[in-house]
């Protein structure tokens, strides 16, 4: 690993320990960073280039058009509303936990 990346990783490790909740459990962002780092170390840059290329060929705009044709405009309104309600609920729970 290049030295500048090693320094960034060291800094991230310090931040990760500060992100742990009061029970010492790992936060979602910490878990994601840790998993991404492990994957990067295991597979390297070429892996990400290959999966990115595959994703561009398999998915892309065609997938969104197919979903829209299958479910219609209302589907996106519904899932957007559900997502917003979930975020609202989580924010309220977080505020209650702080009190």
N, C-alpha and C. Protein backbone atom coordinates (compact mmCIF):
# COMPACT_ATOMS: atom_id res chain seq x y z
N UNK A 1 0.85 -1.17 0.00
CA UNK A 1 0.00 0.00 0.00
C UNK A 1 0.89 1.24 0.00
N UNK A 2 0.60 2.23 -0.87
CA UNK A 2 1.40 3.44 -0.89
C UNK A 2 1.33 4.15 0.46
N UNK A 3 2.39 4.89 0.77
CA UNK A 3 2.51 5.52 2.08
C UNK A 3 1.35 6.47 2.36
N UNK A 4 0.95 7.28 1.35
CA UNK A 4 -0.12 8.25 1.59
C UNK A 4 -1.44 7.55 1.91
N UNK A 5 -1.68 6.39 1.30
CA UNK A 5 -2.90 5.64 1.61
C UNK A 5 -2.80 5.03 3.00
N UNK A 6 -1.63 4.60 3.38
CA UNK A 6 -1.44 4.03 4.72
C UNK A 6 -1.73 5.09 5.77
N UNK A 7 -1.30 6.33 5.53
CA UNK A 7 -1.56 7.41 6.48
C UNK A 7 -3.05 7.69 6.58
N UNK A 8 -3.76 7.67 5.46
CA UNK A 8 -5.19 7.89 5.48
C UNK A 8 -5.89 6.77 6.24
N UNK A 9 -5.43 5.56 6.02
CA UNK A 9 -6.03 4.42 6.71
C UNK A 9 -5.83 4.54 8.22
N UNK A 10 -4.65 4.99 8.64
CA UNK A 10 -4.40 5.17 10.06
C UNK A 10 -5.35 6.21 10.64
N UNK A 11 -5.56 7.29 9.92
CA UNK A 11 -6.49 8.33 10.38
C UNK A 11 -7.91 7.81 10.45
N UNK A 12 -8.31 7.01 9.48
CA UNK A 12 -9.65 6.44 9.46
C UNK A 12 -9.85 5.52 10.65
N UNK A 13 -8.81 4.76 11.01
CA UNK A 13 -8.93 3.86 12.15
C UNK A 13 -9.22 4.65 13.42
N UNK A 14 -8.58 5.80 13.58
CA UNK A 14 -8.82 6.64 14.76
C UNK A 14 -10.25 7.14 14.76
N UNK A 15 -10.74 7.56 13.59
CA UNK A 15 -12.12 8.03 13.49
C UNK A 15 -13.10 6.90 13.78
N UNK A 16 -12.78 5.70 13.31
CA UNK A 16 -13.68 4.57 13.50
C UNK A 16 -13.94 4.30 14.97
N UNK A 17 -12.92 4.38 15.79
CA UNK A 17 -13.11 4.11 17.21
C UNK A 17 -13.97 5.18 17.85
N UNK A 18 -13.91 6.41 17.32
CA UNK A 18 -14.75 7.48 17.84
C UNK A 18 -16.20 7.32 17.41
N UNK A 19 -16.44 6.57 16.33
CA UNK A 19 -17.80 6.40 15.82
C UNK A 19 -18.57 5.30 16.54
N UNK A 20 -17.93 4.52 17.36
CA UNK A 20 -18.63 3.44 18.04
C UNK A 20 -19.69 4.02 18.96
N UNK A 21 -20.81 3.32 19.04
CA UNK A 21 -21.86 3.82 19.90
C UNK A 21 -21.51 3.58 21.37
N UNK A 22 -22.40 4.01 22.25
CA UNK A 22 -22.09 3.93 23.68
C UNK A 22 -22.00 2.49 24.19
N UNK A 23 -22.43 1.53 23.41
CA UNK A 23 -22.33 0.13 23.80
C UNK A 23 -21.09 -0.53 23.20
N UNK A 24 -20.29 0.23 22.47
CA UNK A 24 -19.07 -0.29 21.87
C UNK A 24 -19.30 -1.02 20.56
N UNK A 25 -20.53 -0.97 20.05
CA UNK A 25 -20.83 -1.64 18.78
C UNK A 25 -20.36 -0.78 17.62
N UNK A 26 -20.12 -1.43 16.50
CA UNK A 26 -19.64 -0.77 15.29
C UNK A 26 -20.81 -0.04 14.62
N UNK A 27 -20.57 1.17 14.12
CA UNK A 27 -21.60 1.89 13.37
C UNK A 27 -21.67 1.33 11.95
N UNK A 28 -22.74 1.68 11.25
CA UNK A 28 -22.91 1.23 9.88
C UNK A 28 -21.80 1.76 8.99
N UNK A 29 -21.45 3.03 9.16
CA UNK A 29 -20.39 3.60 8.31
C UNK A 29 -19.05 2.95 8.61
N UNK A 30 -18.80 2.64 9.88
CA UNK A 30 -17.56 1.98 10.24
C UNK A 30 -17.49 0.58 9.63
N UNK A 31 -18.60 -0.14 9.69
CA UNK A 31 -18.64 -1.48 9.12
C UNK A 31 -18.42 -1.44 7.61
N UNK A 32 -19.04 -0.46 6.95
CA UNK A 32 -18.86 -0.33 5.51
C UNK A 32 -17.44 -0.02 5.12
N UNK A 33 -16.83 0.89 5.87
CA UNK A 33 -15.43 1.26 5.61
C UNK A 33 -14.51 0.06 5.83
N UNK A 34 -14.77 -0.66 6.91
CA UNK A 34 -13.95 -1.83 7.23
C UNK A 34 -14.09 -2.92 6.16
N UNK A 35 -15.33 -3.16 5.72
CA UNK A 35 -15.56 -4.16 4.67
C UNK A 35 -14.96 -3.76 3.34
N UNK A 36 -15.08 -2.47 3.01
CA UNK A 36 -14.49 -1.97 1.77
C UNK A 36 -12.98 -2.07 1.76
N UNK A 37 -12.40 -1.78 2.91
CA UNK A 37 -10.94 -1.86 3.02
C UNK A 37 -10.47 -3.31 2.87
N UNK A 38 -11.19 -4.24 3.51
CA UNK A 38 -10.83 -5.66 3.42
C UNK A 38 -10.96 -6.17 1.99
N UNK A 39 -12.05 -5.76 1.32
CA UNK A 39 -12.26 -6.17 -0.07
C UNK A 39 -11.17 -5.61 -0.97
N UNK A 40 -10.84 -4.34 -0.75
CA UNK A 40 -9.79 -3.70 -1.54
C UNK A 40 -8.45 -4.40 -1.37
N UNK A 41 -8.13 -4.74 -0.13
CA UNK A 41 -6.86 -5.42 0.12
C UNK A 41 -6.86 -6.83 -0.46
N UNK A 42 -8.01 -7.50 -0.44
CA UNK A 42 -8.09 -8.87 -0.93
C UNK A 42 -8.06 -8.94 -2.46
N UNK A 43 -8.81 -8.07 -3.14
CA UNK A 43 -8.97 -8.18 -4.59
C UNK A 43 -8.21 -7.15 -5.40
N UNK A 44 -7.94 -5.97 -4.86
CA UNK A 44 -7.19 -4.94 -5.58
C UNK A 44 -8.04 -4.11 -6.53
N UNK A 45 -7.38 -3.15 -7.16
CA UNK A 45 -8.04 -2.19 -8.04
C UNK A 45 -8.70 -2.85 -9.25
N UNK A 46 -8.04 -3.84 -9.82
CA UNK A 46 -8.55 -4.51 -11.02
C UNK A 46 -9.95 -5.07 -10.77
N UNK A 47 -10.20 -5.59 -9.59
CA UNK A 47 -11.51 -6.14 -9.22
C UNK A 47 -12.59 -5.09 -9.39
N UNK A 48 -12.36 -3.89 -8.86
CA UNK A 48 -13.35 -2.82 -8.95
C UNK A 48 -13.57 -2.38 -10.39
N UNK A 49 -12.51 -2.35 -11.18
CA UNK A 49 -12.65 -1.99 -12.59
C UNK A 49 -13.51 -3.01 -13.32
N UNK A 50 -13.29 -4.28 -13.04
CA UNK A 50 -14.06 -5.34 -13.71
C UNK A 50 -15.53 -5.32 -13.31
N UNK A 51 -15.82 -5.19 -12.02
CA UNK A 51 -17.23 -5.20 -11.63
C UNK A 51 -17.93 -3.93 -12.09
N UNK A 52 -17.22 -2.82 -12.17
CA UNK A 52 -17.80 -1.59 -12.68
C UNK A 52 -18.16 -1.72 -14.15
N UNK A 53 -17.30 -2.36 -14.89
CA UNK A 53 -17.55 -2.57 -16.32
C UNK A 53 -18.75 -3.50 -16.52
N UNK A 54 -18.79 -4.57 -15.73
CA UNK A 54 -19.92 -5.52 -15.82
C UNK A 54 -21.23 -4.83 -15.46
N UNK A 55 -21.21 -4.02 -14.42
CA UNK A 55 -22.41 -3.31 -14.00
C UNK A 55 -22.94 -2.39 -15.08
N UNK A 56 -22.04 -1.73 -15.78
CA UNK A 56 -22.45 -0.85 -16.87
C UNK A 56 -23.09 -1.60 -18.01
N UNK A 57 -22.69 -2.83 -18.23
CA UNK A 57 -23.24 -3.63 -19.32
C UNK A 57 -24.56 -4.28 -18.93
N UNK A 58 -24.66 -4.72 -17.67
CA UNK A 58 -25.85 -5.47 -17.23
C UNK A 58 -27.00 -4.53 -16.87
N UNK A 59 -26.73 -3.55 -16.04
CA UNK A 59 -27.79 -2.67 -15.54
C UNK A 59 -27.93 -1.44 -16.38
N UNK A 60 -27.68 -0.33 -15.78
CA UNK A 60 -27.73 0.94 -16.49
C UNK A 60 -29.14 1.44 -16.70
N UNK A 61 -29.31 2.39 -17.60
CA UNK A 61 -30.61 3.02 -17.83
C UNK A 61 -31.71 2.03 -18.24
N UNK A 62 -31.34 0.97 -18.93
CA UNK A 62 -32.34 0.00 -19.39
C UNK A 62 -33.09 -0.59 -18.20
N UNK A 63 -32.39 -0.88 -17.12
CA UNK A 63 -33.02 -1.44 -15.93
C UNK A 63 -34.08 -0.51 -15.37
N UNK A 64 -33.79 0.78 -15.32
CA UNK A 64 -34.75 1.77 -14.83
C UNK A 64 -35.97 1.88 -15.72
N UNK A 65 -35.77 1.82 -17.02
CA UNK A 65 -36.90 1.89 -17.96
C UNK A 65 -37.80 0.67 -17.82
N UNK A 66 -37.18 -0.51 -17.65
CA UNK A 66 -37.95 -1.74 -17.51
C UNK A 66 -38.79 -1.69 -16.24
N UNK A 67 -38.22 -1.18 -15.15
CA UNK A 67 -38.96 -1.08 -13.89
C UNK A 67 -40.11 -0.10 -14.04
N UNK A 68 -39.87 1.03 -14.69
CA UNK A 68 -40.92 2.03 -14.88
C UNK A 68 -42.05 1.46 -15.74
N UNK A 69 -41.70 0.73 -16.79
CA UNK A 69 -42.73 0.14 -17.65
C UNK A 69 -43.53 -0.92 -16.90
N UNK A 70 -42.85 -1.68 -16.05
CA UNK A 70 -43.52 -2.76 -15.32
C UNK A 70 -44.43 -2.23 -14.21
N UNK A 71 -43.94 -1.24 -13.42
CA UNK A 71 -44.66 -0.80 -12.23
C UNK A 71 -45.33 0.57 -12.36
N UNK A 72 -44.87 1.39 -13.30
CA UNK A 72 -45.47 2.70 -13.50
C UNK A 72 -44.93 3.78 -12.57
N UNK A 73 -45.36 5.01 -12.84
CA UNK A 73 -44.89 6.18 -12.10
C UNK A 73 -45.26 6.11 -10.62
N UNK A 74 -46.43 5.62 -10.31
CA UNK A 74 -46.91 5.55 -8.93
C UNK A 74 -46.01 4.72 -8.03
N UNK A 75 -45.37 3.73 -8.60
CA UNK A 75 -44.46 2.87 -7.84
C UNK A 75 -43.33 3.70 -7.22
N UNK A 76 -42.77 4.61 -8.02
CA UNK A 76 -41.68 5.44 -7.53
C UNK A 76 -42.17 6.41 -6.46
N UNK A 77 -43.38 6.93 -6.63
CA UNK A 77 -43.96 7.81 -5.60
C UNK A 77 -44.13 7.05 -4.29
N UNK A 78 -44.63 5.83 -4.40
CA UNK A 78 -44.88 5.02 -3.21
C UNK A 78 -43.59 4.67 -2.47
N UNK A 79 -42.58 4.20 -3.20
CA UNK A 79 -41.34 3.82 -2.51
C UNK A 79 -40.62 5.06 -1.98
N UNK A 80 -40.75 6.18 -2.66
CA UNK A 80 -40.16 7.42 -2.16
C UNK A 80 -40.81 7.86 -0.86
N UNK A 81 -42.13 7.75 -0.81
CA UNK A 81 -42.87 8.10 0.41
C UNK A 81 -42.47 7.17 1.56
N UNK A 82 -42.41 5.87 1.28
CA UNK A 82 -42.03 4.90 2.31
C UNK A 82 -40.63 5.19 2.85
N UNK A 83 -39.72 5.50 1.94
CA UNK A 83 -38.36 5.83 2.36
C UNK A 83 -38.31 7.07 3.23
N UNK A 84 -39.08 8.08 2.85
CA UNK A 84 -39.15 9.31 3.63
C UNK A 84 -39.73 9.08 5.01
N UNK A 85 -40.75 8.24 5.09
CA UNK A 85 -41.37 7.93 6.38
C UNK A 85 -40.38 7.18 7.28
N UNK A 86 -39.61 6.28 6.69
CA UNK A 86 -38.62 5.52 7.46
C UNK A 86 -37.56 6.46 8.03
N UNK A 87 -37.11 7.40 7.22
CA UNK A 87 -36.10 8.36 7.68
C UNK A 87 -36.68 9.22 8.80
N UNK A 88 -37.91 9.67 8.62
CA UNK A 88 -38.57 10.48 9.63
C UNK A 88 -38.65 9.73 10.96
N UNK A 89 -39.03 8.46 10.90
CA UNK A 89 -39.14 7.63 12.10
C UNK A 89 -37.78 7.47 12.78
N UNK A 90 -36.75 7.23 11.99
CA UNK A 90 -35.41 7.07 12.55
C UNK A 90 -34.91 8.34 13.22
N UNK A 91 -35.21 9.47 12.63
CA UNK A 91 -34.81 10.76 13.22
C UNK A 91 -35.52 10.95 14.56
N UNK A 92 -36.82 10.65 14.58
CA UNK A 92 -37.57 10.79 15.83
C UNK A 92 -37.04 9.86 16.91
N UNK A 93 -36.71 8.62 16.54
CA UNK A 93 -36.14 7.67 17.50
C UNK A 93 -34.80 8.16 18.02
N UNK A 94 -34.00 8.72 17.15
CA UNK A 94 -32.70 9.25 17.55
C UNK A 94 -32.84 10.41 18.52
N UNK A 95 -33.81 11.28 18.28
CA UNK A 95 -34.04 12.40 19.19
C UNK A 95 -34.50 11.91 20.56
N UNK A 96 -35.36 10.90 20.58
CA UNK A 96 -35.85 10.36 21.85
C UNK A 96 -34.71 9.71 22.63
N UNK A 97 -33.80 9.05 21.91
CA UNK A 97 -32.68 8.38 22.55
C UNK A 97 -31.71 9.39 23.18
N UNK A 98 -31.61 10.58 22.60
CA UNK A 98 -30.72 11.61 23.12
C UNK A 98 -31.25 12.23 24.42
N UNK A 99 -32.56 12.18 24.59
CA UNK A 99 -33.18 12.83 25.77
C UNK A 99 -32.92 12.08 27.03
